[in-house]
Amino acid sequence: MGGRLVAVLHSRPTGPGTITRGRVGGVCAALGCDSFEIVNLYAAELPTSGSLDLATPSPAWEEGRREIERAVRGSDTKAVLLGYGVRSPAGPQRTQYQEQLHWLADLLTSSGHAPWTYGDRPSHPSRWQRIAHRHSPGSSVYDLAPELLQQHEGGSLRMGAGNVAIQPTGA
């Protein structure tokens, strides 16, 4: 074991994020990591990911990029887990969100990290119990982690809204 897991989520929580932090921490061992860090596409608090539909343009997108790049390029980063959710926002933030995902794909490719997801999509950790239950009723998120964690090579990750492949912009 060793190294750090970087979890890329949607936005900062308005509360302590106890369940989310617990679930991310709980899958560290399955990925061979001994610590974790959570960073967000949108580096500001939102009550729900759906709140982004109503948000005005924000510097939180650029701040998110800085935080993510620092974490992903860290010398002790062993794995990157995507858990930002499967729903693209509506309205004016949709384009910025999609640009953020393409930027993230470019960063992961250039840094040599093939991302992981819990299940086959970048579902938020708060949804992992549903995935676990569908797979094996009565089993825990943590017990099923070795089976349900999936690594995505070369732009194979598909994400919500129209099942759009998130690939590096040069792909």
N, C-alpha and C. Protein backbone atom coordinates (compact mmCIF):
# COMPACT_ATOMS: atom_id res chain seq x y z
N MET A 1 0.84 -1.19 0.00
CA MET A 1 0.00 0.00 0.00
C MET A 1 0.88 1.24 0.00
N GLY A 2 0.25 2.33 -0.24
CA GLY A 2 0.94 3.59 -0.21
C GLY A 2 0.38 4.52 -1.26
N GLY A 3 0.65 5.76 -1.10
CA GLY A 3 0.17 6.74 -2.04
C GLY A 3 -1.20 7.27 -1.67
N ARG A 4 -1.59 8.26 -2.43
CA ARG A 4 -2.81 9.00 -2.13
C ARG A 4 -3.84 8.81 -3.23
N LEU A 5 -5.07 8.72 -2.82
CA LEU A 5 -6.21 8.69 -3.72
C LEU A 5 -6.74 10.12 -3.84
N VAL A 6 -6.91 10.60 -5.06
CA VAL A 6 -7.54 11.90 -5.30
C VAL A 6 -8.94 11.63 -5.82
N ALA A 7 -9.94 12.11 -5.09
CA ALA A 7 -11.34 11.96 -5.51
C ALA A 7 -11.82 13.28 -6.07
N VAL A 8 -12.23 13.26 -7.34
CA VAL A 8 -12.74 14.46 -8.00
C VAL A 8 -14.26 14.41 -7.92
N LEU A 9 -14.83 15.30 -7.11
CA LEU A 9 -16.28 15.34 -6.91
C LEU A 9 -16.85 16.59 -7.59
N HIS A 10 -18.09 16.88 -7.32
CA HIS A 10 -18.80 17.96 -8.01
C HIS A 10 -18.52 19.34 -7.42
N SER A 11 -18.89 19.52 -6.16
CA SER A 11 -18.76 20.82 -5.50
C SER A 11 -18.59 20.59 -4.00
N ARG A 12 -18.15 21.62 -3.32
CA ARG A 12 -17.96 21.51 -1.87
C ARG A 12 -19.30 21.36 -1.18
N PRO A 13 -19.35 20.57 -0.13
CA PRO A 13 -20.61 20.41 0.59
C PRO A 13 -20.93 21.63 1.45
N THR A 14 -22.20 21.81 1.76
CA THR A 14 -22.59 22.89 2.66
C THR A 14 -22.44 22.45 4.12
N GLY A 15 -22.33 21.16 4.34
CA GLY A 15 -22.15 20.62 5.69
C GLY A 15 -20.80 19.92 5.79
N PRO A 16 -20.66 19.02 6.76
CA PRO A 16 -19.37 18.38 6.99
C PRO A 16 -19.01 17.32 5.94
N GLY A 17 -19.97 16.81 5.16
CA GLY A 17 -19.66 15.80 4.15
C GLY A 17 -19.22 14.48 4.73
N THR A 18 -19.75 14.13 5.89
CA THR A 18 -19.32 12.95 6.63
C THR A 18 -19.50 11.66 5.83
N ILE A 19 -20.66 11.46 5.23
CA ILE A 19 -20.91 10.23 4.47
C ILE A 19 -19.97 10.16 3.27
N THR A 20 -19.86 11.25 2.56
CA THR A 20 -18.99 11.28 1.38
C THR A 20 -17.54 10.98 1.77
N ARG A 21 -17.04 11.67 2.78
CA ARG A 21 -15.66 11.45 3.22
C ARG A 21 -15.47 10.01 3.70
N GLY A 22 -16.45 9.48 4.39
CA GLY A 22 -16.37 8.11 4.87
C GLY A 22 -16.30 7.10 3.74
N ARG A 23 -17.11 7.32 2.72
CA ARG A 23 -17.12 6.37 1.59
C ARG A 23 -15.84 6.46 0.77
N VAL A 24 -15.37 7.68 0.52
CA VAL A 24 -14.11 7.81 -0.22
C VAL A 24 -12.97 7.18 0.58
N GLY A 25 -12.92 7.48 1.87
CA GLY A 25 -11.89 6.89 2.71
C GLY A 25 -11.98 5.38 2.76
N GLY A 26 -13.20 4.87 2.71
CA GLY A 26 -13.41 3.42 2.79
C GLY A 26 -12.96 2.65 1.57
N VAL A 27 -12.84 3.30 0.42
CA VAL A 27 -12.38 2.58 -0.77
C VAL A 27 -10.88 2.76 -1.03
N CYS A 28 -10.21 3.52 -0.19
CA CYS A 28 -8.76 3.73 -0.35
C CYS A 28 -8.00 2.41 -0.42
N ALA A 29 -8.25 1.54 0.52
CA ALA A 29 -7.50 0.28 0.58
C ALA A 29 -7.73 -0.56 -0.67
N ALA A 30 -8.95 -0.55 -1.19
CA ALA A 30 -9.24 -1.33 -2.40
C ALA A 30 -8.43 -0.84 -3.59
N LEU A 31 -8.03 0.43 -3.56
CA LEU A 31 -7.21 0.98 -4.63
C LEU A 31 -5.73 1.04 -4.25
N GLY A 32 -5.39 0.44 -3.12
CA GLY A 32 -3.99 0.40 -2.70
C GLY A 32 -3.45 1.71 -2.18
N CYS A 33 -4.33 2.58 -1.71
CA CYS A 33 -3.91 3.89 -1.19
C CYS A 33 -4.05 3.92 0.33
N ASP A 34 -3.26 4.76 0.96
CA ASP A 34 -3.36 4.88 2.41
C ASP A 34 -3.87 6.23 2.88
N SER A 35 -4.15 7.14 1.94
CA SER A 35 -4.74 8.44 2.28
C SER A 35 -5.54 8.93 1.09
N PHE A 36 -6.34 9.97 1.33
CA PHE A 36 -7.13 10.51 0.23
C PHE A 36 -7.28 12.02 0.37
N GLU A 37 -7.59 12.64 -0.76
CA GLU A 37 -7.89 14.06 -0.82
C GLU A 37 -9.09 14.23 -1.74
N ILE A 38 -10.02 15.09 -1.34
CA ILE A 38 -11.18 15.39 -2.17
C ILE A 38 -11.00 16.78 -2.77
N VAL A 39 -11.18 16.85 -4.09
CA VAL A 39 -11.17 18.12 -4.82
C VAL A 39 -12.46 18.17 -5.64
N ASN A 40 -12.81 19.34 -6.13
CA ASN A 40 -14.11 19.50 -6.80
C ASN A 40 -14.00 20.24 -8.11
N LEU A 41 -14.84 19.83 -9.08
CA LEU A 41 -14.92 20.52 -10.37
C LEU A 41 -15.27 21.98 -10.17
N TYR A 42 -16.20 22.21 -9.26
CA TYR A 42 -16.70 23.55 -8.94
C TYR A 42 -16.31 23.81 -7.50
N ALA A 43 -15.28 24.62 -7.28
CA ALA A 43 -14.68 24.78 -5.96
C ALA A 43 -15.42 25.81 -5.12
N ALA A 44 -16.70 25.58 -4.91
CA ALA A 44 -17.53 26.42 -4.03
C ALA A 44 -18.64 25.55 -3.50
N GLU A 45 -19.29 25.99 -2.45
CA GLU A 45 -20.40 25.25 -1.86
C GLU A 45 -21.65 25.39 -2.71
N LEU A 46 -22.34 24.27 -2.87
CA LEU A 46 -23.66 24.25 -3.49
C LEU A 46 -24.52 23.31 -2.65
N PRO A 47 -25.79 23.66 -2.40
CA PRO A 47 -26.64 22.79 -1.60
C PRO A 47 -26.86 21.43 -2.26
N THR A 48 -26.97 21.42 -3.60
CA THR A 48 -27.10 20.18 -4.37
C THR A 48 -26.44 20.42 -5.72
N SER A 49 -26.11 19.34 -6.42
CA SER A 49 -25.51 19.52 -7.74
C SER A 49 -26.48 20.21 -8.69
N GLY A 50 -27.79 20.04 -8.47
CA GLY A 50 -28.79 20.72 -9.29
C GLY A 50 -28.79 22.23 -9.11
N SER A 51 -28.22 22.72 -8.04
CA SER A 51 -28.16 24.16 -7.80
C SER A 51 -27.31 24.87 -8.85
N LEU A 52 -26.44 24.15 -9.50
CA LEU A 52 -25.58 24.74 -10.51
C LEU A 52 -26.41 25.25 -11.69
N ASP A 53 -27.58 24.65 -11.92
CA ASP A 53 -28.45 25.09 -13.01
C ASP A 53 -28.78 26.58 -12.89
N LEU A 54 -28.83 27.08 -11.67
CA LEU A 54 -29.24 28.46 -11.42
C LEU A 54 -28.08 29.39 -11.11
N ALA A 55 -26.90 28.84 -10.99
CA ALA A 55 -25.74 29.65 -10.60
C ALA A 55 -25.33 30.60 -11.73
N THR A 56 -24.76 31.71 -11.32
CA THR A 56 -24.23 32.67 -12.29
C THR A 56 -22.77 32.30 -12.56
N PRO A 57 -22.18 32.79 -13.64
CA PRO A 57 -20.77 32.49 -13.89
C PRO A 57 -19.92 32.78 -12.65
N SER A 58 -18.94 31.92 -12.42
CA SER A 58 -18.21 31.99 -11.17
C SER A 58 -16.74 31.66 -11.36
N PRO A 59 -15.87 32.28 -10.55
CA PRO A 59 -14.45 31.91 -10.57
C PRO A 59 -14.22 30.53 -9.94
N ALA A 60 -15.26 29.92 -9.40
CA ALA A 60 -15.11 28.59 -8.77
C ALA A 60 -14.68 27.52 -9.78
N TRP A 61 -14.96 27.74 -11.07
CA TRP A 61 -14.51 26.78 -12.09
C TRP A 61 -12.98 26.81 -12.18
N GLU A 62 -12.40 27.99 -12.26
CA GLU A 62 -10.94 28.11 -12.35
C GLU A 62 -10.27 27.64 -11.07
N GLU A 63 -10.86 27.98 -9.94
CA GLU A 63 -10.29 27.51 -8.67
C GLU A 63 -10.32 25.99 -8.61
N GLY A 64 -11.40 25.39 -9.10
CA GLY A 64 -11.49 23.93 -9.17
C GLY A 64 -10.35 23.35 -10.00
N ARG A 65 -10.07 23.97 -11.14
CA ARG A 65 -8.98 23.49 -11.99
C ARG A 65 -7.64 23.54 -11.26
N ARG A 66 -7.39 24.65 -10.56
CA ARG A 66 -6.12 24.75 -9.83
C ARG A 66 -5.99 23.67 -8.77
N GLU A 67 -7.06 23.45 -8.01
CA GLU A 67 -7.02 22.44 -6.94
C GLU A 67 -6.87 21.03 -7.51
N ILE A 68 -7.60 20.75 -8.57
CA ILE A 68 -7.53 19.42 -9.17
C ILE A 68 -6.14 19.16 -9.75
N GLU A 69 -5.62 20.14 -10.48
CA GLU A 69 -4.31 19.93 -11.10
C GLU A 69 -3.23 19.72 -10.05
N ARG A 70 -3.25 20.53 -9.00
CA ARG A 70 -2.26 20.36 -7.92
C ARG A 70 -2.35 18.96 -7.33
N ALA A 71 -3.56 18.49 -7.07
CA ALA A 71 -3.74 17.18 -6.45
C ALA A 71 -3.36 16.04 -7.39
N VAL A 72 -3.83 16.10 -8.63
CA VAL A 72 -3.57 15.02 -9.58
C VAL A 72 -2.08 14.91 -9.90
N ARG A 73 -1.41 16.04 -10.03
CA ARG A 73 0.02 16.01 -10.37
C ARG A 73 0.92 15.81 -9.15
N GLY A 74 0.33 15.69 -7.96
CA GLY A 74 1.13 15.46 -6.76
C GLY A 74 1.96 14.20 -6.86
N SER A 75 3.19 14.26 -6.37
CA SER A 75 4.11 13.13 -6.51
C SER A 75 3.63 11.87 -5.79
N ASP A 76 2.76 12.03 -4.78
CA ASP A 76 2.28 10.86 -4.04
C ASP A 76 0.91 10.38 -4.53
N THR A 77 0.39 10.94 -5.62
CA THR A 77 -0.92 10.52 -6.13
C THR A 77 -0.78 9.19 -6.85
N LYS A 78 -1.51 8.21 -6.34
CA LYS A 78 -1.47 6.86 -6.91
C LYS A 78 -2.69 6.59 -7.78
N ALA A 79 -3.84 7.13 -7.40
CA ALA A 79 -5.08 6.83 -8.13
C ALA A 79 -5.99 8.06 -8.11
N VAL A 80 -6.83 8.17 -9.15
CA VAL A 80 -7.81 9.24 -9.24
C VAL A 80 -9.18 8.59 -9.39
N LEU A 81 -10.09 8.97 -8.51
CA LEU A 81 -11.45 8.45 -8.50
C LEU A 81 -12.40 9.56 -8.89
N LEU A 82 -13.25 9.32 -9.87
CA LEU A 82 -14.22 10.32 -10.32
C LEU A 82 -15.56 10.04 -9.68
N GLY A 83 -16.13 11.06 -9.03
CA GLY A 83 -17.41 10.91 -8.36
C GLY A 83 -18.21 12.20 -8.39
N TYR A 84 -18.20 12.88 -9.53
CA TYR A 84 -18.85 14.18 -9.64
C TYR A 84 -20.32 14.10 -10.03
N GLY A 85 -20.83 12.90 -10.23
CA GLY A 85 -22.24 12.74 -10.56
C GLY A 85 -22.44 12.45 -12.04
N VAL A 86 -23.66 12.09 -12.38
CA VAL A 86 -23.94 11.65 -13.75
C VAL A 86 -24.89 12.58 -14.49
N ARG A 87 -25.24 13.68 -13.88
CA ARG A 87 -26.17 14.62 -14.49
C ARG A 87 -25.46 15.91 -14.85
N SER A 88 -25.54 16.30 -16.12
CA SER A 88 -24.99 17.59 -16.53
C SER A 88 -25.98 18.68 -16.16
N PRO A 89 -25.49 19.84 -15.76
CA PRO A 89 -26.41 20.93 -15.44
C PRO A 89 -27.11 21.45 -16.69
N ALA A 90 -28.21 22.11 -16.46
CA ALA A 90 -28.94 22.78 -17.55
C ALA A 90 -28.53 24.23 -17.56
N GLY A 91 -29.03 24.95 -18.52
CA GLY A 91 -28.81 26.39 -18.54
C GLY A 91 -27.40 26.80 -18.89
N PRO A 92 -27.04 28.00 -18.50
CA PRO A 92 -25.77 28.60 -18.92
C PRO A 92 -24.54 27.88 -18.36
N GLN A 93 -24.67 27.12 -17.30
CA GLN A 93 -23.52 26.44 -16.71
C GLN A 93 -23.17 25.14 -17.44
N ARG A 94 -24.06 24.65 -18.29
CA ARG A 94 -23.84 23.37 -18.97
C ARG A 94 -22.54 23.39 -19.79
N THR A 95 -22.33 24.44 -20.56
CA THR A 95 -21.13 24.52 -21.39
C THR A 95 -19.88 24.55 -20.53
N GLN A 96 -19.90 25.35 -19.46
CA GLN A 96 -18.74 25.43 -18.59
C GLN A 96 -18.44 24.08 -17.94
N TYR A 97 -19.49 23.38 -17.54
CA TYR A 97 -19.34 22.05 -16.93
C TYR A 97 -18.70 21.07 -17.92
N GLN A 98 -19.19 21.06 -19.13
CA GLN A 98 -18.64 20.15 -20.14
C GLN A 98 -17.19 20.51 -20.47
N GLU A 99 -16.89 21.80 -20.53
CA GLU A 99 -15.50 22.22 -20.74
C GLU A 99 -14.62 21.74 -19.60
N GLN A 100 -15.15 21.78 -18.39
CA GLN A 100 -14.40 21.33 -17.22
C GLN A 100 -14.09 19.83 -17.34
N LEU A 101 -15.07 19.06 -17.80
CA LEU A 101 -14.85 17.62 -17.94
C LEU A 101 -13.83 17.31 -19.02
N HIS A 102 -13.86 18.02 -20.12
CA HIS A 102 -12.87 17.80 -21.18
C HIS A 102 -11.48 18.22 -20.70
N TRP A 103 -11.40 19.33 -19.96
CA TRP A 103 -10.12 19.74 -19.38
C TRP A 103 -9.60 18.65 -18.44
N LEU A 104 -10.48 18.09 -17.62
CA LEU A 104 -10.09 17.02 -16.69
C LEU A 104 -9.58 15.80 -17.45
N ALA A 105 -10.25 15.43 -18.53
CA ALA A 105 -9.79 14.29 -19.33
C ALA A 105 -8.39 14.55 -19.88
N ASP A 106 -8.14 15.76 -20.36
CA ASP A 106 -6.80 16.12 -20.85
C ASP A 106 -5.76 16.02 -19.74
N LEU A 107 -6.11 16.53 -18.56
CA LEU A 107 -5.19 16.48 -17.42
C LEU A 107 -4.87 15.04 -17.04
N LEU A 108 -5.88 14.20 -16.96
CA LEU A 108 -5.65 12.81 -16.58
C LEU A 108 -4.77 12.10 -17.60
N THR A 109 -5.00 12.37 -18.86
CA THR A 109 -4.17 11.76 -19.91
C THR A 109 -2.73 12.24 -19.81
N SER A 110 -2.54 13.54 -19.69
CA SER A 110 -1.18 14.09 -19.65
C SER A 110 -0.42 13.69 -18.39
N SER A 111 -1.14 13.39 -17.32
CA SER A 111 -0.48 13.01 -16.07
C SER A 111 -0.34 11.49 -15.93
N GLY A 112 -0.89 10.75 -16.88
CA GLY A 112 -0.74 9.30 -16.86
C GLY A 112 -1.70 8.57 -15.94
N HIS A 113 -2.78 9.22 -15.54
CA HIS A 113 -3.75 8.57 -14.65
C HIS A 113 -4.97 8.11 -15.43
N ALA A 114 -5.26 6.82 -15.39
CA ALA A 114 -6.52 6.30 -15.91
C ALA A 114 -7.49 6.31 -14.73
N PRO A 115 -8.57 7.07 -14.81
CA PRO A 115 -9.43 7.25 -13.64
C PRO A 115 -10.25 6.02 -13.27
N TRP A 116 -10.67 6.01 -12.03
CA TRP A 116 -11.53 4.97 -11.47
C TRP A 116 -12.91 5.55 -11.20
N THR A 117 -13.92 4.69 -11.23
CA THR A 117 -15.27 5.05 -10.80
C THR A 117 -15.80 3.89 -9.96
N TYR A 118 -16.79 4.20 -9.13
CA TYR A 118 -17.51 3.15 -8.39
C TYR A 118 -18.71 2.81 -9.25
N GLY A 119 -18.69 1.65 -9.88
CA GLY A 119 -19.66 1.31 -10.91
C GLY A 119 -19.12 1.82 -12.23
N ASP A 120 -19.96 1.88 -13.23
CA ASP A 120 -19.47 2.22 -14.56
C ASP A 120 -19.58 3.69 -14.92
N ARG A 121 -20.02 4.52 -13.97
CA ARG A 121 -20.16 5.96 -14.21
C ARG A 121 -19.58 6.72 -13.03
N PRO A 122 -19.35 8.02 -13.19
CA PRO A 122 -18.77 8.81 -12.09
C PRO A 122 -19.81 9.21 -11.03
N SER A 123 -20.52 8.23 -10.51
CA SER A 123 -21.56 8.50 -9.51
C SER A 123 -20.94 9.09 -8.25
N HIS A 124 -21.67 10.02 -7.65
CA HIS A 124 -21.22 10.63 -6.40
C HIS A 124 -21.23 9.57 -5.30
N PRO A 125 -20.30 9.63 -4.35
CA PRO A 125 -20.26 8.65 -3.26
C PRO A 125 -21.58 8.51 -2.49
N SER A 126 -22.38 9.56 -2.44
CA SER A 126 -23.67 9.46 -1.76
C SER A 126 -24.62 8.50 -2.47
N ARG A 127 -24.32 8.12 -3.70
CA ARG A 127 -25.15 7.20 -4.48
C ARG A 127 -24.59 5.78 -4.52
N TRP A 128 -23.42 5.58 -3.96
CA TRP A 128 -22.78 4.26 -4.06
C TRP A 128 -23.58 3.15 -3.41
N GLN A 129 -24.33 3.43 -2.34
CA GLN A 129 -25.10 2.37 -1.70
C GLN A 129 -26.16 1.83 -2.66
N ARG A 130 -26.75 2.71 -3.47
CA ARG A 130 -27.73 2.26 -4.47
C ARG A 130 -27.08 1.32 -5.47
N ILE A 131 -25.87 1.66 -5.90
CA ILE A 131 -25.15 0.81 -6.85
C ILE A 131 -24.86 -0.54 -6.22
N ALA A 132 -24.38 -0.51 -4.98
CA ALA A 132 -24.07 -1.75 -4.27
C ALA A 132 -25.33 -2.60 -4.10
N HIS A 133 -26.44 -1.98 -3.74
CA HIS A 133 -27.69 -2.72 -3.53
C HIS A 133 -28.17 -3.36 -4.83
N ARG A 134 -28.09 -2.63 -5.94
CA ARG A 134 -28.50 -3.21 -7.23
C ARG A 134 -27.62 -4.40 -7.59
N HIS A 135 -26.35 -4.32 -7.26
CA HIS A 135 -25.41 -5.38 -7.60
C HIS A 135 -25.58 -6.61 -6.69
N SER A 136 -25.72 -6.35 -5.40
CA SER A 136 -25.81 -7.45 -4.43
C SER A 136 -26.54 -6.95 -3.19
N PRO A 137 -27.89 -7.09 -3.17
CA PRO A 137 -28.67 -6.59 -2.03
C PRO A 137 -28.11 -7.07 -0.69
N GLY A 138 -28.00 -6.15 0.24
CA GLY A 138 -27.51 -6.47 1.57
C GLY A 138 -26.01 -6.33 1.74
N SER A 139 -25.28 -6.16 0.67
CA SER A 139 -23.82 -5.99 0.76
C SER A 139 -23.48 -4.52 0.97
N SER A 140 -22.33 -4.29 1.56
CA SER A 140 -21.92 -2.91 1.82
C SER A 140 -21.12 -2.33 0.65
N VAL A 141 -21.09 -1.03 0.59
CA VAL A 141 -20.28 -0.30 -0.39
C VAL A 141 -18.84 -0.78 -0.33
N TYR A 142 -18.33 -0.96 0.86
CA TYR A 142 -16.92 -1.30 1.06
C TYR A 142 -16.63 -2.74 0.69
N ASP A 143 -17.53 -3.66 1.03
CA ASP A 143 -17.33 -5.07 0.68
C ASP A 143 -17.29 -5.26 -0.83
N LEU A 144 -18.09 -4.48 -1.54
CA LEU A 144 -18.17 -4.63 -2.99
C LEU A 144 -17.17 -3.77 -3.75
N ALA A 145 -16.43 -2.92 -3.05
CA ALA A 145 -15.49 -2.02 -3.73
C ALA A 145 -14.53 -2.76 -4.66
N PRO A 146 -13.90 -3.85 -4.23
CA PRO A 146 -12.96 -4.51 -5.17
C PRO A 146 -13.64 -4.97 -6.46
N GLU A 147 -14.89 -5.29 -6.38
CA GLU A 147 -15.64 -5.76 -7.54
C GLU A 147 -16.22 -4.61 -8.38
N LEU A 148 -16.65 -3.54 -7.72
CA LEU A 148 -17.35 -2.47 -8.43
C LEU A 148 -16.47 -1.31 -8.87
N LEU A 149 -15.29 -1.18 -8.31
CA LEU A 149 -14.39 -0.13 -8.78
C LEU A 149 -13.90 -0.48 -10.18
N GLN A 150 -14.07 0.45 -11.11
CA GLN A 150 -13.68 0.21 -12.50
C GLN A 150 -12.71 1.27 -12.96
N GLN A 151 -11.66 0.83 -13.64
CA GLN A 151 -10.70 1.77 -14.19
C GLN A 151 -11.03 1.99 -15.66
N HIS A 152 -10.89 3.24 -16.09
CA HIS A 152 -11.26 3.64 -17.45
C HIS A 152 -10.02 4.09 -18.21
N GLU A 153 -9.65 3.31 -19.19
CA GLU A 153 -8.46 3.59 -20.00
C GLU A 153 -8.84 4.37 -21.25
N GLY A 154 -7.99 5.28 -21.67
CA GLY A 154 -8.08 5.92 -22.98
C GLY A 154 -9.43 6.50 -23.36
N GLY A 155 -10.05 7.25 -22.49
CA GLY A 155 -11.30 7.92 -22.84
C GLY A 155 -12.52 7.02 -22.85
N SER A 156 -12.44 5.89 -22.15
CA SER A 156 -13.57 4.96 -22.16
C SER A 156 -14.71 5.38 -21.25
N LEU A 157 -14.51 6.41 -20.44
CA LEU A 157 -15.54 6.84 -19.51
C LEU A 157 -16.68 7.53 -20.23
N ARG A 158 -17.89 7.10 -19.92
CA ARG A 158 -19.08 7.71 -20.49
C ARG A 158 -19.85 8.35 -19.34
N MET A 159 -20.43 9.50 -19.62
CA MET A 159 -21.03 10.28 -18.53
C MET A 159 -22.39 10.81 -18.91
N GLY A 160 -23.40 10.54 -18.08
CA GLY A 160 -24.75 11.07 -18.15
C GLY A 160 -25.23 11.68 -19.44
N ALA A 161 -26.08 12.64 -19.36
CA ALA A 161 -26.69 13.44 -20.42
C ALA A 161 -26.30 13.03 -21.83
N GLY A 162 -27.02 12.12 -22.38
CA GLY A 162 -26.78 11.69 -23.75
C GLY A 162 -25.65 10.69 -23.87
N ASN A 163 -25.15 10.18 -22.76
CA ASN A 163 -24.08 9.19 -22.75
C ASN A 163 -22.87 9.65 -23.55
N VAL A 164 -22.47 10.88 -23.34
CA VAL A 164 -21.36 11.49 -24.06
C VAL A 164 -20.04 10.95 -23.51
N ALA A 165 -19.17 10.53 -24.40
CA ALA A 165 -17.84 10.06 -23.97
C ALA A 165 -17.02 11.28 -23.58
N ILE A 166 -16.41 11.22 -22.42
CA ILE A 166 -15.53 12.29 -21.97
C ILE A 166 -14.12 11.86 -22.32
N GLN A 167 -13.58 12.51 -23.32
CA GLN A 167 -12.25 12.17 -23.81
C GLN A 167 -11.39 13.42 -23.85
N PRO A 168 -10.08 13.22 -23.87
CA PRO A 168 -9.22 14.39 -24.04
C PRO A 168 -9.59 15.12 -25.33
N THR A 169 -9.41 16.42 -25.36
CA THR A 169 -9.81 17.20 -26.53
C THR A 169 -9.04 16.81 -27.77
N GLY A 170 -7.86 16.26 -27.63
CA GLY A 170 -7.08 15.83 -28.78
C GLY A 170 -7.44 14.45 -29.29
N ALA A 171 -8.36 13.74 -28.62
CA ALA A 171 -8.70 12.36 -29.00
C ALA A 171 -9.68 12.33 -30.15
